[in-house]
C-alpha atoms as a PDB file:
ATOM      1  CA  UNK A   1      48.891 -79.307  46.986  1.00  0.00           C
ATOM      2  CA  UNK A   2      48.270 -83.066  47.065  1.00  0.00           C
ATOM      3  CA  UNK A   3      48.428 -84.642  50.493  1.00  0.00           C
ATOM      4  CA  UNK A   4      49.558 -88.235  50.947  1.00  0.00           C
ATOM      5  CA  UNK A   5      48.052 -89.741  54.084  1.00  0.00           C
ATOM      6  CA  UNK A   6      47.413 -93.146  55.606  1.00  0.00           C
ATOM      7  CA  UNK A   7      44.018 -92.175  56.995  1.00  0.00           C
ATOM      8  CA  UNK A   8      41.444 -89.418  56.966  1.00  0.00           C
ATOM      9  CA  UNK A   9      42.774 -88.246  60.318  1.00  0.00           C
ATOM     10  CA  UNK A  10      46.345 -88.039  58.960  1.00  0.00           C
ATOM     11  CA  UNK A  11      45.051 -86.207  55.908  1.00  0.00           C
ATOM     12  CA  UNK A  12      43.188 -83.695  58.085  1.00  0.00           C
ATOM     13  CA  UNK A  13      46.284 -83.104  60.237  1.00  0.00           C
ATOM     14  CA  UNK A  14      48.402 -82.684  57.118  1.00  0.00           C
ATOM     15  CA  UNK A  15      45.942 -80.233  55.610  1.00  0.00           C
ATOM     16  CA  UNK A  16      45.803 -78.172  58.797  1.00  0.00           C
ATOM     17  CA  UNK A  17      49.615 -78.033  58.902  1.00  0.00           C
ATOM     18  CA  UNK A  18      49.721 -76.970  55.248  1.00  0.00           C
ATOM     19  CA  UNK A  19      47.113 -74.271  55.782  1.00  0.00           C
ATOM     20  CA  UNK A  20      48.832 -73.020  58.937  1.00  0.00           C
ATOM     21  CA  UNK A  21      52.175 -72.737  57.134  1.00  0.00           C
ATOM     22  CA  UNK A  22      50.478 -70.980  54.228  1.00  0.00           C
ATOM     23  CA  UNK A  23      48.742 -68.463  56.515  1.00  0.00           C
ATOM     24  CA  UNK A  24      51.925 -67.881  58.548  1.00  0.00           C
ATOM     25  CA  UNK A  25      53.818 -67.195  55.319  1.00  0.00           C
ATOM     26  CA  UNK A  26      51.173 -64.742  54.186  1.00  0.00           C
ATOM     27  CA  UNK A  27      51.416 -62.933  57.537  1.00  0.00           C
ATOM     28  CA  UNK A  28      55.174 -62.458  57.314  1.00  0.00           C
ATOM     29  CA  UNK A  29      56.183 -58.825  57.209  1.00  0.00           C
ATOM     30  CA  UNK A  30      57.524 -58.866  53.661  1.00  0.00           C
ATOM     31  CA  UNK A  31      54.860 -56.670  52.062  1.00  0.00           C
ATOM     32  CA  UNK A  32      54.945 -52.851  52.128  1.00  0.00           C
ATOM     33  CA  UNK A  33      51.208 -52.401  52.757  1.00  0.00           C
ATOM     34  CA  UNK A  34      51.208 -55.044  55.477  1.00  0.00           C
ATOM     35  CA  UNK A  35      54.201 -53.397  57.168  1.00  0.00           C
ATOM     36  CA  UNK A  36      52.454 -50.014  57.177  1.00  0.00           C
ATOM     37  CA  UNK A  37      49.413 -51.542  58.877  1.00  0.00           C
ATOM     38  CA  UNK A  38      51.687 -53.372  61.302  1.00  0.00           C
ATOM     39  CA  UNK A  39      53.538 -50.196  62.305  1.00  0.00           C
ATOM     40  CA  UNK A  40      50.231 -48.502  63.094  1.00  0.00           C
ATOM     41  CA  UNK A  41      49.325 -51.456  65.304  1.00  0.00           C
ATOM     42  CA  UNK A  42      52.695 -51.303  67.082  1.00  0.00           C
ATOM     43  CA  UNK A  43      52.338 -47.564  67.659  1.00  0.00           C
ATOM     44  CA  UNK A  44      48.905 -48.051  69.211  1.00  0.00           C
ATOM     45  CA  UNK A  45      50.385 -50.691  71.534  1.00  0.00           C
ATOM     46  CA  UNK A  46      53.178 -48.283  72.510  1.00  0.00           C
ATOM     47  CA  UNK A  47      50.629 -45.521  73.082  1.00  0.00           C
ATOM     48  CA  UNK A  48      48.670 -47.758  75.432  1.00  0.00           C
ATOM     49  CA  UNK A  49      51.714 -49.132  77.276  1.00  0.00           C
ATOM     50  CA  UNK A  50      53.772 -45.963  77.732  1.00  0.00           C
ATOM     51  CA  UNK A  51      51.455 -42.989  77.228  1.00  0.00           C
ATOM     52  CA  UNK A  52      48.066 -44.081  78.643  1.00  0.00           C
ATOM     53  CA  UNK A  53      46.578 -43.630  75.164  1.00  0.00           C
ATOM     54  CA  UNK A  54      47.093 -39.863  75.472  1.00  0.00           C
ATOM     55  CA  UNK A  55      48.785 -39.402  72.110  1.00  0.00           C
ATOM     56  CA  UNK A  56      46.905 -38.491  68.960  1.00  0.00           C
ATOM     57  CA  UNK A  57      47.710 -41.078  66.319  1.00  0.00           C
ATOM     58  CA  UNK A  58      50.158 -39.715  63.733  1.00  0.00           C
ATOM     59  CA  UNK A  59      50.275 -40.537  60.053  1.00  0.00           C
ATOM     60  CA  UNK A  60      53.014 -43.167  59.837  1.00  0.00           C
ATOM     61  CA  UNK A  61      55.098 -43.040  56.677  1.00  0.00           C
ATOM     62  CA  UNK A  62      58.004 -45.092  55.341  1.00  0.00           C
ATOM     63  CA  UNK A  63      60.410 -42.914  53.370  1.00  0.00           C
ATOM     64  CA  UNK A  64      64.146 -42.773  52.867  1.00  0.00           C
ATOM     65  CA  UNK A  65      65.887 -40.184  55.036  1.00  0.00           C
ATOM     66  CA  UNK A  66      69.608 -39.521  54.747  1.00  0.00           C
ATOM     67  CA  UNK A  67      71.338 -41.016  57.808  1.00  0.00           C
ATOM     68  CA  UNK A  68      68.044 -41.279  59.672  1.00  0.00           C
ATOM     69  CA  UNK A  69      66.135 -43.919  61.589  1.00  0.00           C
ATOM     70  CA  UNK A  70      63.049 -41.728  61.914  1.00  0.00           C
ATOM     71  CA  UNK A  71      61.493 -38.331  62.556  1.00  0.00           C
ATOM     72  CA  UNK A  72      58.249 -36.609  63.499  1.00  0.00           C
ATOM     73  CA  UNK A  73      56.986 -33.350  62.060  1.00  0.00           C
ATOM     74  CA  UNK A  74      56.688 -30.415  64.458  1.00  0.00           C
ATOM     75  CA  UNK A  75      53.460 -29.376  62.733  1.00  0.00           C
ATOM     76  CA  UNK A  76      50.394 -31.347  61.681  1.00  0.00           C
ATOM     77  CA  UNK A  77      51.185 -31.663  57.995  1.00  0.00           C
ATOM     78  CA  UNK A  78      48.700 -34.374  56.962  1.00  0.00           C
ATOM     79  CA  UNK A  79      45.081 -33.353  56.416  1.00  0.00           C
ATOM     80  CA  UNK A  80      41.981 -35.095  55.056  1.00  0.00           C
ATOM     81  CA  UNK A  81      39.520 -32.171  55.449  1.00  0.00           C
ATOM     82  CA  UNK A  82      38.370 -33.633  58.762  1.00  0.00           C
ATOM     83  CA  UNK A  83      41.469 -34.121  60.878  1.00  0.00           C
ATOM     84  CA  UNK A  84      45.101 -33.026  60.714  1.00  0.00           C
ATOM     85  CA  UNK A  85      47.940 -35.191  62.029  1.00  0.00           C
ATOM     86  CA  UNK A  86      51.660 -35.134  62.647  1.00  0.00           C
ATOM     87  CA  UNK A  87      53.866 -37.251  60.429  1.00  0.00           C
ATOM     88  CA  UNK A  88      55.933 -40.018  62.000  1.00  0.00           C
ATOM     89  CA  UNK A  89      58.388 -41.403  59.493  1.00  0.00           C
ATOM     90  CA  UNK A  90      60.505 -44.528  59.722  1.00  0.00           C
ATOM     91  CA  UNK A  91      63.409 -44.736  57.333  1.00  0.00           C
ATOM     92  CA  UNK A  92      62.833 -47.258  54.577  1.00  0.00           C
ATOM     93  CA  UNK A  93      66.580 -47.926  54.565  1.00  0.00           C
ATOM     94  CA  UNK A  94      66.645 -49.346  58.106  1.00  0.00           C
ATOM     95  CA  UNK A  95      63.309 -51.177  58.370  1.00  0.00           C
ATOM     96  CA  UNK A  96      64.916 -54.592  58.758  1.00  0.00           C
ATOM     97  CA  UNK A  97      66.664 -53.823  62.028  1.00  0.00           C
ATOM     98  CA  UNK A  98      65.676 -56.064  64.972  1.00  0.00           C
ATOM     99  CA  UNK A  99      62.133 -55.289  66.102  1.00  0.00           C
ATOM    100  CA  UNK A 100      63.330 -53.989  69.489  1.00  0.00           C
ATOM    101  CA  UNK A 101      65.295 -51.289  67.641  1.00  0.00           C
ATOM    102  CA  UNK A 102      62.279 -50.379  65.502  1.00  0.00           C
ATOM    103  CA  UNK A 103      60.194 -50.157  68.683  1.00  0.00           C
ATOM    104  CA  UNK A 104      62.868 -47.991  70.326  1.00  0.00           C
ATOM    105  CA  UNK A 105      62.678 -45.579  67.385  1.00  0.00           C
ATOM    106  CA  UNK A 106      58.868 -45.472  67.603  1.00  0.00           C
ATOM    107  CA  UNK A 107      59.015 -44.784  71.368  1.00  0.00           C
ATOM    108  CA  UNK A 108      61.634 -42.087  70.739  1.00  0.00           C
ATOM    109  CA  UNK A 109      59.389 -40.338  68.239  1.00  0.00           C
ATOM    110  CA  UNK A 110      56.333 -40.852  70.450  1.00  0.00           C
ATOM    111  CA  UNK A 111      58.197 -38.999  73.222  1.00  0.00           C
ATOM    112  CA  UNK A 112      58.566 -36.042  70.850  1.00  0.00           C
ATOM    113  CA  UNK A 113      54.836 -36.152  70.112  1.00  0.00           C
ATOM    114  CA  UNK A 114      54.144 -36.212  73.855  1.00  0.00           C
ATOM    115  CA  UNK A 115      56.413 -33.205  74.341  1.00  0.00           C
ATOM    116  CA  UNK A 116      54.695 -31.294  71.519  1.00  0.00           C
ATOM    117  CA  UNK A 117      51.241 -32.049  72.923  1.00  0.00           C
ATOM    118  CA  UNK A 118      52.244 -30.944  76.425  1.00  0.00           C
ATOM    119  CA  UNK A 119      54.309 -27.881  75.470  1.00  0.00           C
ATOM    120  CA  UNK A 120      57.536 -29.429  76.732  1.00  0.00           C
ATOM    121  CA  UNK A 121      60.650 -27.992  75.114  1.00  0.00           C
ATOM    122  CA  UNK A 122      62.650 -31.186  74.567  1.00  0.00           C
ATOM    123  CA  UNK A 123      64.774 -29.966  71.636  1.00  0.00           C
ATOM    124  CA  UNK A 124      66.382 -26.838  70.257  1.00  0.00           C
ATOM    125  CA  UNK A 125      68.008 -25.738  66.986  1.00  0.00           C
ATOM    126  CA  UNK A 126      64.960 -26.646  64.850  1.00  0.00           C
ATOM    127  CA  UNK A 127      64.484 -29.975  66.595  1.00  0.00           C
ATOM    128  CA  UNK A 128      68.062 -31.135  66.065  1.00  0.00           C
ATOM    129  CA  UNK A 129      69.552 -30.838  69.564  1.00  0.00           C
ATOM    130  CA  UNK A 130      67.924 -33.147  72.147  1.00  0.00           C
ATOM    131  CA  UNK A 131      68.112 -31.796  75.692  1.00  0.00           C
ATOM    132  CA  UNK A 132      67.965 -33.431  79.131  1.00  0.00           C
ATOM    133  CA  UNK A 133      64.187 -33.080  79.229  1.00  0.00           C
ATOM    134  CA  UNK A 134      63.962 -35.390  76.240  1.00  0.00           C
ATOM    135  CA  UNK A 135      66.396 -37.795  77.904  1.00  0.00           C
ATOM    136  CA  UNK A 136      64.086 -37.951  80.939  1.00  0.00           C
ATOM    137  CA  UNK A 137      60.971 -38.559  78.835  1.00  0.00           C
ATOM    138  CA  UNK A 138      62.645 -41.367  76.901  1.00  0.00           C
ATOM    139  CA  UNK A 139      64.305 -43.075  79.860  1.00  0.00           C
ATOM    140  CA  UNK A 140      60.993 -43.066  81.724  1.00  0.00           C
ATOM    141  CA  UNK A 141      59.774 -45.256  78.860  1.00  0.00           C
ATOM    142  CA  UNK A 142      62.535 -47.883  79.013  1.00  0.00           C
ATOM    143  CA  UNK A 143      64.945 -46.408  76.437  1.00  0.00           C
ATOM    144  CA  UNK A 144      68.711 -46.176  76.869  1.00  0.00           C
ATOM    145  CA  UNK A 145      69.729 -42.637  75.869  1.00  0.00           C
ATOM    146  CA  UNK A 146      73.313 -41.440  75.469  1.00  0.00           C
ATOM    147  CA  UNK A 147      74.728 -38.146  74.293  1.00  0.00           C
ATOM    148  CA  UNK A 148      76.053 -37.187  70.882  1.00  0.00           C
ATOM    149  CA  UNK A 149      78.473 -34.255  70.913  1.00  0.00           C
ATOM    150  CA  UNK A 150      76.538 -32.423  68.185  1.00  0.00           C
ATOM    151  CA  UNK A 151      72.922 -33.605  68.505  1.00  0.00           C
ATOM    152  CA  UNK A 152      72.618 -33.961  72.271  1.00  0.00           C
ATOM    153  CA  UNK A 153      70.770 -36.737  74.121  1.00  0.00           C
ATOM    154  CA  UNK A 154      69.583 -38.521  71.003  1.00  0.00           C
ATOM    155  CA  UNK A 155      71.477 -41.828  70.649  1.00  0.00           C
ATOM    156  CA  UNK A 156      68.737 -44.378  71.318  1.00  0.00           C
ATOM    157  CA  UNK A 157      69.009 -48.052  72.223  1.00  0.00           C
ATOM    158  CA  UNK A 158      66.422 -50.565  73.492  1.00  0.00           C
ATOM    159  CA  UNK A 159      66.790 -51.950  77.014  1.00  0.00           C
ATOM    160  CA  UNK A 160      65.866 -55.343  78.415  1.00  0.00           C
ATOM    161  CA  UNK A 161      62.470 -53.831  79.309  1.00  0.00           C
ATOM    162  CA  UNK A 162      61.994 -52.829  75.663  1.00  0.00           C
ATOM    163  CA  UNK A 163      62.793 -56.374  74.578  1.00  0.00           C
ATOM    164  CA  UNK A 164      60.333 -57.759  77.139  1.00  0.00           C
ATOM    165  CA  UNK A 165      57.677 -55.433  75.711  1.00  0.00           C
ATOM    166  CA  UNK A 166      58.326 -56.887  72.250  1.00  0.00           C
ATOM    167  CA  UNK A 167      58.167 -60.453  73.557  1.00  0.00           C
ATOM    168  CA  UNK A 168      55.010 -59.885  75.604  1.00  0.00           C
ATOM    169  CA  UNK A 169      53.242 -58.422  72.569  1.00  0.00           C
ATOM    170  CA  UNK A 170      54.578 -61.064  70.128  1.00  0.00           C
ATOM    171  CA  UNK A 171      56.173 -58.431  67.909  1.00  0.00           C
ATOM    172  CA  UNK A 172      58.071 -59.742  64.888  1.00  0.00           C
ATOM    173  CA  UNK A 173      60.957 -58.457  62.786  1.00  0.00           C
ATOM    174  CA  UNK A 174      60.141 -56.590  59.586  1.00  0.00           C
ATOM    175  CA  UNK A 175      61.624 -58.413  56.611  1.00  0.00           C
ATOM    176  CA  UNK A 176      61.521 -55.755  53.932  1.00  0.00           C
ATOM    177  CA  UNK A 177      63.951 -52.882  53.381  1.00  0.00           C
ATOM    178  CA  UNK A 178      64.722 -50.295  50.703  1.00  0.00           C
ATOM    179  CA  UNK A 179      68.283 -50.267  49.391  1.00  0.00           C
ATOM    180  CA  UNK A 180      69.420 -46.815  48.353  1.00  0.00           C
ATOM    181  CA  UNK A 181      72.681 -45.026  47.686  1.00  0.00           C
ATOM    182  CA  UNK A 182      72.989 -44.123  51.378  1.00  0.00           C
ATOM    183  CA  UNK A 183      71.905 -47.350  53.006  1.00  0.00           C
ATOM    184  CA  UNK A 184      74.669 -48.572  55.297  1.00  0.00           C
ATOM    185  CA  UNK A 185      73.932 -52.239  55.739  1.00  0.00           C
ATOM    186  CA  UNK A 186      71.722 -51.901  58.783  1.00  0.00           C
ATOM    187  CA  UNK A 187      73.823 -49.273  60.574  1.00  0.00           C
ATOM    188  CA  UNK A 188      72.925 -45.624  60.800  1.00  0.00           C
ATOM    189  CA  UNK A 189      70.897 -43.266  62.876  1.00  0.00           C
ATOM    190  CA  UNK A 190      68.938 -40.112  62.382  1.00  0.00           C
ATOM    191  CA  UNK A 191      69.630 -36.480  61.903  1.00  0.00           C
ATOM    192  CA  UNK A 192      66.614 -34.249  62.179  1.00  0.00           C
ATOM    193  CA  UNK A 193      65.927 -31.805  59.412  1.00  0.00           C
ATOM    194  CA  UNK A 194      64.095 -28.486  59.597  1.00  0.00           C
ATOM    195  CA  UNK A 195      60.675 -28.791  61.118  1.00  0.00           C
ATOM    196  CA  UNK A 196      61.152 -32.269  62.533  1.00  0.00           C
ATOM    197  CA  UNK A 197      62.518 -34.166  65.496  1.00  0.00           C
ATOM    198  CA  UNK A 198      64.788 -37.081  64.635  1.00  0.00           C
ATOM    199  CA  UNK A 199      66.010 -40.285  66.217  1.00  0.00           C
ATOM    200  CA  UNK A 200      69.641 -40.818  67.113  1.00  0.00           C
ATOM    201  CA  UNK A 201      72.722 -40.234  64.962  1.00  0.00           C
ATOM    202  CA  UNK A 202      74.902 -42.621  62.964  1.00  0.00           C
ATOM    203  CA  UNK A 203      76.691 -45.130  65.153  1.00  0.00           C
ATOM    204  CA  UNK A 204      77.207 -48.876  65.415  1.00  0.00           C
ATOM    205  CA  UNK A 205      74.355 -50.309  67.505  1.00  0.00           C
ATOM    206  CA  UNK A 206      75.047 -52.120  70.738  1.00  0.00           C
ATOM    207  CA  UNK A 207      74.689 -55.844  70.907  1.00  0.00           C
ATOM    208  CA  UNK A 208      71.330 -57.129  72.087  1.00  0.00           C
ATOM    209  CA  UNK A 209      70.542 -59.951  74.473  1.00  0.00           C
ATOM    210  CA  UNK A 210      67.437 -60.763  72.446  1.00  0.00           C
ATOM    211  CA  UNK A 211      67.408 -64.270  70.971  1.00  0.00           C
ATOM    212  CA  UNK A 212      65.110 -65.534  68.229  1.00  0.00           C
ATOM    213  CA  UNK A 213      63.946 -69.174  68.207  1.00  0.00           C
ATOM    214  CA  UNK A 214      62.233 -70.833  65.248  1.00  0.00           C
ATOM    215  CA  UNK A 215      60.308 -74.072  64.806  1.00  0.00           C
ATOM    216  CA  UNK A 216      61.974 -76.130  62.042  1.00  0.00           C
ATOM    217  CA  UNK A 217      58.570 -77.457  60.977  1.00  0.00           C
ATOM    218  CA  UNK A 218      56.005 -74.623  60.945  1.00  0.00           C
ATOM    219  CA  UNK A 219      58.544 -71.747  61.084  1.00  0.00           C
ATOM    220  CA  UNK A 220      56.801 -70.106  64.016  1.00  0.00           C
ATOM    221  CA  UNK A 221      59.184 -67.763  65.860  1.00  0.00           C
ATOM    222  CA  UNK A 222      59.487 -66.456  69.413  1.00  0.00           C
ATOM    223  CA  UNK A 223      61.922 -64.131  71.173  1.00  0.00           C
ATOM    224  CA  UNK A 224      63.605 -64.577  74.534  1.00  0.00           C
ATOM    225  CA  UNK A 225      66.074 -62.538  76.564  1.00  0.00           C
ATOM    226  CA  UNK A 226      68.150 -65.558  77.580  1.00  0.00           C
ATOM    227  CA  UNK A 227      69.085 -69.047  76.413  1.00  0.00           C
ATOM    228  CA  UNK A 228      65.935 -71.169  76.535  1.00  0.00           C
ATOM    229  CA  UNK A 229      64.841 -74.732  75.826  1.00  0.00           C
ATOM    230  CA  UNK A 230      61.606 -74.213  73.884  1.00  0.00           C
ATOM    231  CA  UNK A 231      59.157 -76.622  72.281  1.00  0.00           C
ATOM    232  CA  UNK A 232      56.653 -75.607  69.608  1.00  0.00           C
ATOM    233  CA  UNK A 233      53.190 -76.276  71.034  1.00  0.00           C
ATOM    234  CA  UNK A 234      51.749 -76.987  67.586  1.00  0.00           C
ATOM    235  CA  UNK A 235      54.410 -79.357  66.246  1.00  0.00           C
ATOM    236  CA  UNK A 236      55.751 -80.655  69.594  1.00  0.00           C
ATOM    237  CA  UNK A 237      59.365 -80.422  68.447  1.00  0.00           C
ATOM    238  CA  UNK A 238      62.279 -78.420  69.817  1.00  0.00           C
ATOM    239  CA  UNK A 239      62.723 -74.893  68.510  1.00  0.00           C
ATOM    240  CA  UNK A 240      66.208 -73.857  67.395  1.00  0.00           C
ATOM    241  CA  UNK A 241      67.965 -70.555  67.891  1.00  0.00           C
ATOM    242  CA  UNK A 242      68.227 -68.550  64.696  1.00  0.00           C
ATOM    243  CA  UNK A 243      71.667 -67.103  63.952  1.00  0.00           C
END
């Protein structure tokens, strides 16, 4: 890229801006491998914030699951001859939901892992029906849990506290998704299969008070829970709310 500048100082500033934009673009969550690494990082942050780092780290996978946001395996089904781990899957068909919803799903599944580790019976019917004990575990960790007539206390939504957690940890939306024959345009939930605990059931998600602001120049983004007048500290221009 050729930079046109009036002075060496202008050229240096222009180069730094170009490099920053290039690095920010490379860091965007549009790559499968990068997203997998990112989800592991988010889970570790959740483990520290809500579980005092008591949870064993699962093997996080991204696979399509019919009508499902996510699940965890009841058994440790991944093994590398040294350690065995539970599987925590996020549906590839719903990865591009707002980050607070992705985090809510991860917390939901982390609650199941906590229950398994502590011999808490939080589900029945092969992990399909979520009981009041699960509701308590999840609500203690900022989730909004409501009841489904068939699957119990499984319908999961983020709260304002969940959104604050995302903002405080600078978590960003994932911008990659798998389109399959049963993707439903960002809607959907989860139905647990045999040997797993699942997240929620199909329903239209509630509206969120989370707002996303973006710098028109460097494309840096931030989230807020209310209308805000924000200025990008790098470019010193007003950030605009993204629709």
